[in-house]
């Protein structure tokens, strides 16, 4: 059998397509915009939607279920990559480092002559340090350190790359997040009209989002004093059922309709706590020109924000004053910001980098 030159495989141990959270967006956009057509995405999926070049593995529960899926991933990988002389594997890092390490070690046993890229969405250790107990966070530190040592790893920010260099003793490729531009599609809902709502998008099941959403609900009366007819619109999975007629939970919606919401909200409000990684929701809001009210934690890792006229950094103490400022804002979309966070350009640069390894 005559071998083709180069094949690229992507592995996501969560559902990337259809997208339902920020990590999904980054993974699917990376795969979808990857310059080569000799590619495949293997994902563990909640939904069985057929899509060209995407292989779905049904989500299985617990440790045993995950291990079974890891072996299925390896089987699918070998089947795809055997056609290629040069083999690349990009493992998406928005999963627990323990599972990722098992996958990497088994791939190295069962598949030879393969370059493994660990695409970090954030530092998994930082996630576990804030979310889990000391044992889990400590194990994650050593697992992640080993992953970086035995793969070619990326960092999503300069801050993360410095951490990797200092504590994991290796260099990483700086590969920041970005936004893939999508055309808006009007959301048909009689209760939602242009500029009559504030917006937050993010699943309630992810702890930083839960903290932000709970804070928005607690501040609702304070916001209504300034904007008495405003609606509170939330998208994402797992939201509680609110009985308040001013609160609308839309669940997971089509990306093009989410863009319409971003472009038509009075403001995007994201009172985020301290949490690792770049906040994709805030990046998208700024990218599409929505007035964006957020905490200092919300813009952590995002560059070129100091000149943005659609950004208001707030706090509990200054919220009322900042809310009054919003209606006076004149939106000027920054071409410099849009150009810098164009994800297609970042992907092309990353593609060229790893092909020169």
Protein backbone atom coordinates (compact mmCIF):
# COMPACT_ATOMS: atom_id res chain seq x y z
CA UNK A 1 0.00 0.00 0.00
CA UNK A 2 1.37 3.41 -0.99
CA UNK A 3 1.31 5.78 1.97
CA UNK A 4 0.09 9.38 1.79
CA UNK A 5 2.40 12.05 3.13
CA UNK A 6 0.84 13.45 6.33
CA UNK A 7 -2.28 12.75 8.39
CA UNK A 8 -3.66 14.77 11.30
CA UNK A 9 -5.81 13.28 14.03
CA UNK A 10 -7.59 15.20 16.79
CA UNK A 11 -8.86 13.61 19.99
CA UNK A 12 -11.42 15.24 22.27
CA UNK A 13 -12.58 13.38 25.37
CA UNK A 14 -15.69 15.58 25.43
CA UNK A 15 -18.21 16.64 22.79
CA UNK A 16 -16.71 19.23 20.45
CA UNK A 17 -19.44 19.03 17.80
CA UNK A 18 -22.17 20.13 18.16
CA UNK A 19 -20.54 22.73 20.42
CA UNK A 20 -22.09 23.39 23.81
CA UNK A 21 -19.40 25.30 25.74
CA UNK A 22 -16.21 27.32 25.25
CA UNK A 23 -13.87 24.32 25.13
CA UNK A 24 -16.11 22.74 22.46
CA UNK A 25 -15.87 25.90 20.37
CA UNK A 26 -12.08 26.01 20.54
CA UNK A 27 -11.71 22.30 19.70
CA UNK A 28 -14.17 22.23 16.81
CA UNK A 29 -12.93 25.50 15.30
CA UNK A 30 -9.33 24.27 15.49
CA UNK A 31 -10.27 21.05 13.70
CA UNK A 32 -12.65 22.68 11.22
CA UNK A 33 -10.18 25.40 10.17
CA UNK A 34 -7.12 23.13 10.13
CA UNK A 35 -5.45 23.76 6.73
CA UNK A 36 -5.15 20.08 5.75
CA UNK A 37 -8.08 17.94 4.58
CA UNK A 38 -6.29 14.74 5.63
CA UNK A 39 -7.70 14.92 9.13
CA UNK A 40 -10.14 13.29 11.54
CA UNK A 41 -11.69 14.28 14.86
CA UNK A 42 -12.44 11.50 17.33
CA UNK A 43 -14.72 12.71 20.09
CA UNK A 44 -16.60 11.28 23.05
CA UNK A 45 -20.06 12.56 22.35
CA UNK A 46 -23.43 12.94 24.04
CA UNK A 47 -25.16 13.20 20.65
CA UNK A 48 -24.88 10.90 17.63
CA UNK A 49 -24.85 13.52 14.88
CA UNK A 50 -23.15 12.45 11.64
CA UNK A 51 -20.56 14.85 10.28
CA UNK A 52 -17.86 14.26 7.69
CA UNK A 53 -14.41 13.50 9.19
CA UNK A 54 -15.82 13.22 12.74
CA UNK A 55 -15.94 9.89 14.61
CA UNK A 56 -18.31 9.77 17.59
CA UNK A 57 -17.80 7.48 20.57
CA UNK A 58 -20.72 7.26 22.98
CA UNK A 59 -20.04 8.75 26.40
CA UNK A 60 -19.64 6.06 29.05
CA UNK A 61 -19.96 6.55 32.79
CA UNK A 62 -17.21 6.21 35.37
CA UNK A 63 -13.54 5.21 35.33
CA UNK A 64 -14.13 1.87 33.57
CA UNK A 65 -16.28 3.53 30.90
CA UNK A 66 -13.59 6.15 30.25
CA UNK A 67 -10.84 3.51 29.99
CA UNK A 68 -12.96 1.55 27.48
CA UNK A 69 -13.36 4.71 25.39
CA UNK A 70 -9.61 5.38 25.54
CA UNK A 71 -8.94 1.95 24.01
CA UNK A 72 -11.63 2.61 21.38
CA UNK A 73 -9.92 5.93 20.57
CA UNK A 74 -6.61 4.14 20.04
CA UNK A 75 -8.27 1.58 17.75
CA UNK A 76 -9.86 4.35 15.63
CA UNK A 77 -6.58 6.28 15.56
CA UNK A 78 -4.57 3.32 14.31
CA UNK A 79 -7.12 2.64 11.60
CA UNK A 80 -6.98 6.23 10.32
CA UNK A 81 -3.24 6.88 10.68
CA UNK A 82 -2.02 3.66 9.05
CA UNK A 83 -2.58 5.36 5.66
CA UNK A 84 0.01 8.05 6.37
CA UNK A 85 3.77 8.14 6.44
CA UNK A 86 3.93 11.13 8.81
CA UNK A 87 1.45 11.06 11.69
CA UNK A 88 0.26 13.88 13.94
CA UNK A 89 -2.04 13.63 16.94
CA UNK A 90 -3.48 16.71 18.63
CA UNK A 91 -4.98 15.85 22.04
CA UNK A 92 -7.38 18.45 23.38
CA UNK A 93 -6.46 19.33 26.96
CA UNK A 94 -9.80 20.34 28.46
CA UNK A 95 -10.08 16.97 30.22
CA UNK A 96 -8.62 15.69 33.47
CA UNK A 97 -4.84 15.22 33.16
CA UNK A 98 -5.03 11.67 34.56
CA UNK A 99 -7.14 10.45 31.65
CA UNK A 100 -5.02 12.38 29.15
CA UNK A 101 -1.83 10.80 30.53
CA UNK A 102 -3.29 7.28 30.22
CA UNK A 103 -4.23 8.04 26.60
CA UNK A 104 -0.75 9.39 25.77
CA UNK A 105 1.08 6.44 27.37
CA UNK A 106 -1.07 3.85 25.58
CA UNK A 107 -0.71 5.62 22.23
CA UNK A 108 3.07 5.52 22.63
CA UNK A 109 2.83 1.76 23.23
CA UNK A 110 0.43 0.91 20.41
CA UNK A 111 1.31 3.49 17.74
CA UNK A 112 4.86 4.16 16.63
CA UNK A 113 6.32 7.14 14.75
CA UNK A 114 3.68 9.63 15.83
CA UNK A 115 4.13 13.24 16.97
CA UNK A 116 1.77 13.98 19.88
CA UNK A 117 0.70 17.59 20.45
CA UNK A 118 -0.93 18.39 23.79
CA UNK A 119 -3.26 21.35 23.13
CA UNK A 120 -3.78 22.95 26.53
CA UNK A 121 -6.89 25.10 26.98
CA UNK A 122 -5.58 26.16 30.38
CA UNK A 123 -3.40 24.66 33.11
CA UNK A 124 -5.35 21.67 34.37
CA UNK A 125 -3.52 21.92 37.70
CA UNK A 126 -4.90 25.45 38.19
CA UNK A 127 -8.44 24.15 37.52
CA UNK A 128 -8.12 21.30 40.04
CA UNK A 129 -6.41 23.48 42.65
CA UNK A 130 -9.48 25.70 42.76
CA UNK A 131 -12.07 22.96 42.29
CA UNK A 132 -10.83 19.75 43.96
CA UNK A 133 -9.10 18.58 47.14
CA UNK A 134 -5.35 18.58 47.82
CA UNK A 135 -4.84 14.97 46.71
CA UNK A 136 -6.49 15.43 43.30
CA UNK A 137 -4.74 18.75 42.65
CA UNK A 138 -1.34 17.29 43.63
CA UNK A 139 -1.82 14.25 41.39
CA UNK A 140 -2.92 16.56 38.57
CA UNK A 141 0.27 18.60 38.94
CA UNK A 142 2.50 15.54 38.48
CA UNK A 143 0.32 14.04 35.73
CA UNK A 144 0.31 17.30 33.78
CA UNK A 145 4.06 17.73 34.29
CA UNK A 146 4.65 14.28 32.77
CA UNK A 147 2.30 15.02 29.86
CA UNK A 148 4.33 18.12 28.98
CA UNK A 149 7.58 16.15 29.22
CA UNK A 150 6.52 13.34 26.86
CA UNK A 151 4.56 15.40 24.30
CA UNK A 152 4.92 18.71 22.48
CA UNK A 153 2.76 20.93 24.68
CA UNK A 154 1.12 24.29 24.14
CA UNK A 155 0.23 27.13 26.51
CA UNK A 156 -2.80 29.36 26.10
CA UNK A 157 -1.15 32.44 27.61
CA UNK A 158 2.26 33.90 28.42
CA UNK A 159 1.46 33.43 32.12
CA UNK A 160 0.84 29.70 31.58
CA UNK A 161 3.98 29.29 29.46
CA UNK A 162 6.07 30.82 32.26
CA UNK A 163 4.49 28.39 34.74
CA UNK A 164 5.22 25.41 32.47
CA UNK A 165 8.83 26.50 32.06
CA UNK A 166 9.35 27.13 35.78
CA UNK A 167 7.54 24.17 37.34
CA UNK A 168 7.37 21.53 34.59
CA UNK A 169 10.90 22.32 33.35
CA UNK A 170 10.00 22.30 29.65
CA UNK A 171 9.26 24.87 26.96
CA UNK A 172 5.83 25.06 25.32
CA UNK A 173 4.36 26.56 22.16
CA UNK A 174 2.31 29.70 22.81
CA UNK A 175 -1.05 29.04 21.14
CA UNK A 176 -3.66 31.52 22.34
CA UNK A 177 -7.40 31.18 21.94
CA UNK A 178 -9.26 33.19 19.35
CA UNK A 179 -12.64 33.70 17.70
CA UNK A 180 -13.83 32.23 14.43
CA UNK A 181 -16.18 34.76 12.85
CA UNK A 182 -19.73 33.46 12.31
CA UNK A 183 -22.71 35.23 10.71
CA UNK A 184 -25.55 36.02 13.08
CA UNK A 185 -28.97 34.40 12.73
CA UNK A 186 -31.97 36.08 14.39
CA UNK A 187 -33.32 34.35 17.47
CA UNK A 188 -37.10 34.23 17.26
CA UNK A 189 -38.44 34.97 20.75
CA UNK A 190 -41.19 37.54 21.36
CA UNK A 191 -39.78 38.40 24.78
CA UNK A 192 -36.31 39.21 23.41
CA UNK A 193 -35.92 42.40 21.42
CA UNK A 194 -33.00 44.58 20.44
CA UNK A 195 -31.35 46.15 23.54
CA UNK A 196 -34.09 45.02 25.97
CA UNK A 197 -31.95 42.34 27.66
CA UNK A 198 -28.65 41.66 29.35
CA UNK A 199 -26.85 38.45 28.45
CA UNK A 200 -24.65 35.83 30.05
CA UNK A 201 -23.70 32.65 28.22
CA UNK A 202 -22.21 29.67 30.03
CA UNK A 203 -23.28 26.36 31.51
CA UNK A 204 -24.40 26.41 35.14
CA UNK A 205 -22.63 23.07 35.61
CA UNK A 206 -19.18 24.77 35.32
CA UNK A 207 -18.36 26.27 38.73
CA UNK A 208 -17.05 29.74 37.64
CA UNK A 209 -20.21 30.21 35.57
CA UNK A 210 -22.39 29.16 38.51
CA UNK A 211 -20.73 31.76 40.74
CA UNK A 212 -21.21 34.45 38.06
CA UNK A 213 -24.87 33.51 37.40
CA UNK A 214 -25.72 33.41 41.12
CA UNK A 215 -24.18 36.87 41.50
CA UNK A 216 -26.22 38.24 38.58
CA UNK A 217 -29.42 36.88 40.17
CA UNK A 218 -28.46 38.41 43.54
CA UNK A 219 -27.84 41.78 41.85
CA UNK A 220 -31.04 41.65 39.80
CA UNK A 221 -32.95 44.24 41.86
CA UNK A 222 -29.97 46.60 41.79
CA UNK A 223 -29.87 46.34 37.98
CA UNK A 224 -33.66 46.75 37.64
CA UNK A 225 -33.54 50.06 39.54
CA UNK A 226 -31.53 51.49 36.64
CA UNK A 227 -33.05 49.42 33.81
CA UNK A 228 -36.59 48.56 35.05
CA UNK A 229 -37.82 46.83 31.88
CA UNK A 230 -34.73 44.74 31.23
CA UNK A 231 -34.76 40.95 30.73
CA UNK A 232 -32.04 38.63 32.01
CA UNK A 233 -31.10 36.09 29.33
CA UNK A 234 -28.94 33.04 30.05
CA UNK A 235 -27.71 30.39 27.61
CA UNK A 236 -25.95 27.10 28.32
CA UNK A 237 -26.84 23.82 29.99
CA UNK A 238 -27.93 22.98 33.52
CA UNK A 239 -29.58 26.24 34.56
CA UNK A 240 -32.14 26.06 37.39
CA UNK A 241 -35.76 26.80 36.55
CA UNK A 242 -36.43 30.41 37.54
CA UNK A 243 -40.02 31.43 38.24
CA UNK A 244 -39.24 35.11 37.62
CA UNK A 245 -40.77 36.35 34.34
CA UNK A 246 -37.76 38.64 33.78
CA UNK A 247 -35.34 35.70 33.66
CA UNK A 248 -35.14 33.68 30.43
CA UNK A 249 -33.04 30.50 30.21
CA UNK A 250 -32.58 29.35 26.60
CA UNK A 251 -30.40 26.28 27.12
CA UNK A 252 -27.76 25.39 24.53
CA UNK A 253 -28.50 27.33 21.34
CA UNK A 254 -27.07 27.42 17.84
CA UNK A 255 -23.86 29.44 17.64
CA UNK A 256 -25.18 31.82 14.97
CA UNK A 257 -28.15 32.68 17.23
CA UNK A 258 -25.83 33.23 20.17
CA UNK A 259 -23.92 35.74 18.03
CA UNK A 260 -27.23 37.54 17.37
CA UNK A 261 -27.83 37.73 21.12
CA UNK A 262 -24.32 39.11 21.70
CA UNK A 263 -24.76 41.75 19.01
CA UNK A 264 -28.23 42.81 20.22
CA UNK A 265 -27.98 42.74 24.02
CA UNK A 266 -27.94 45.99 25.99
CA UNK A 267 -24.79 44.62 27.58
CA UNK A 268 -23.03 41.33 28.23
CA UNK A 269 -22.53 40.91 32.00
CA UNK A 270 -19.88 38.48 33.25
CA UNK A 271 -18.97 38.94 36.94
CA UNK A 272 -16.46 36.09 36.80
CA UNK A 273 -14.52 34.85 39.84
CA UNK A 274 -10.83 34.02 39.71
CA UNK A 275 -10.55 31.04 37.37
CA UNK A 276 -7.90 29.64 35.01
CA UNK A 277 -7.73 30.12 31.25
CA UNK A 278 -9.03 32.73 28.84
CA UNK A 279 -12.77 33.36 29.11
CA UNK A 280 -14.03 32.59 25.60
CA UNK A 281 -17.45 34.12 26.32
CA UNK A 282 -15.85 37.48 27.15
CA UNK A 283 -13.45 37.25 24.21
CA UNK A 284 -16.42 36.70 21.85
CA UNK A 285 -18.43 39.52 23.41
CA UNK A 286 -15.57 41.98 22.91
CA UNK A 287 -14.83 40.60 19.42
CA UNK A 288 -18.42 41.15 18.23
CA UNK A 289 -18.64 44.63 19.74
CA UNK A 290 -21.11 44.10 22.58
CA UNK A 291 -20.86 46.43 25.56
CA UNK A 292 -19.13 44.11 28.02
CA UNK A 293 -19.38 44.58 31.76
CA UNK A 294 -17.09 42.21 33.63
CA UNK A 295 -14.78 41.82 36.59
CA UNK A 296 -11.01 42.18 36.38
CA UNK A 297 -10.82 38.37 36.62
CA UNK A 298 -12.93 38.11 33.46
CA UNK A 299 -10.30 39.64 31.19
CA UNK A 300 -7.38 37.68 32.61
CA UNK A 301 -5.20 36.47 29.73
CA UNK A 302 -6.91 38.69 27.12
CA UNK A 303 -4.58 41.17 25.43
CA UNK A 304 -5.16 44.56 23.79
CA UNK A 305 -8.13 45.49 26.00
CA UNK A 306 -6.90 48.88 27.28
CA UNK A 307 -8.23 50.77 24.23
CA UNK A 308 -11.59 48.98 23.93
CA UNK A 309 -14.53 51.37 24.24
CA UNK A 310 -17.00 48.52 24.68
CA UNK A 311 -15.33 47.19 27.85
CA UNK A 312 -16.29 48.25 31.38
CA UNK A 313 -14.40 46.60 34.24
CA UNK A 314 -16.59 46.61 37.33
CA UNK A 315 -16.77 45.47 40.96
CA UNK A 316 -19.52 45.04 43.55
CA UNK A 317 -18.67 48.47 44.96
CA UNK A 318 -18.85 50.29 41.60
CA UNK A 319 -21.65 48.34 39.92
CA UNK A 320 -24.38 51.01 40.11
CA UNK A 321 -22.07 53.72 38.74
CA UNK A 322 -20.84 51.43 35.94
CA UNK A 323 -24.40 50.42 35.02
CA UNK A 324 -25.30 54.08 34.50
CA UNK A 325 -22.24 54.54 32.29
CA UNK A 326 -23.29 51.75 29.93
CA UNK A 327 -26.18 53.64 28.32
CA UNK A 328 -23.75 56.46 27.42
CA UNK A 329 -21.26 54.16 25.69
CA UNK A 330 -20.62 54.63 21.99
CA UNK A 331 -19.41 51.36 20.52
CA UNK A 332 -16.37 51.42 18.26
CA UNK A 333 -15.21 47.95 17.27
CA UNK A 334 -11.42 47.67 17.40
CA UNK A 335 -9.97 46.34 14.14
CA UNK A 336 -6.69 45.74 15.98
CA UNK A 337 -8.46 43.53 18.54
CA UNK A 338 -10.38 41.61 15.87
CA UNK A 339 -7.24 41.04 13.83
CA UNK A 340 -5.24 39.84 16.85
CA UNK A 341 -7.91 37.35 17.96
CA UNK A 342 -8.72 36.03 14.49
CA UNK A 343 -8.53 32.30 15.26
CA UNK A 344 -7.99 31.25 11.65
CA UNK A 345 -4.75 33.24 11.56
CA UNK A 346 -3.62 31.73 14.85
CA UNK A 347 -4.41 28.21 13.58
CA UNK A 348 -2.43 28.76 10.37
CA UNK A 349 0.60 29.93 12.37
CA UNK A 350 0.30 26.96 14.75
CA UNK A 351 -0.01 24.55 11.81
CA UNK A 352 3.22 25.90 10.33
CA UNK A 353 4.99 25.67 13.71
CA UNK A 354 4.24 22.02 14.36
CA UNK A 355 5.02 21.02 10.78
CA UNK A 356 8.53 22.40 11.29
CA UNK A 357 9.16 20.28 14.39
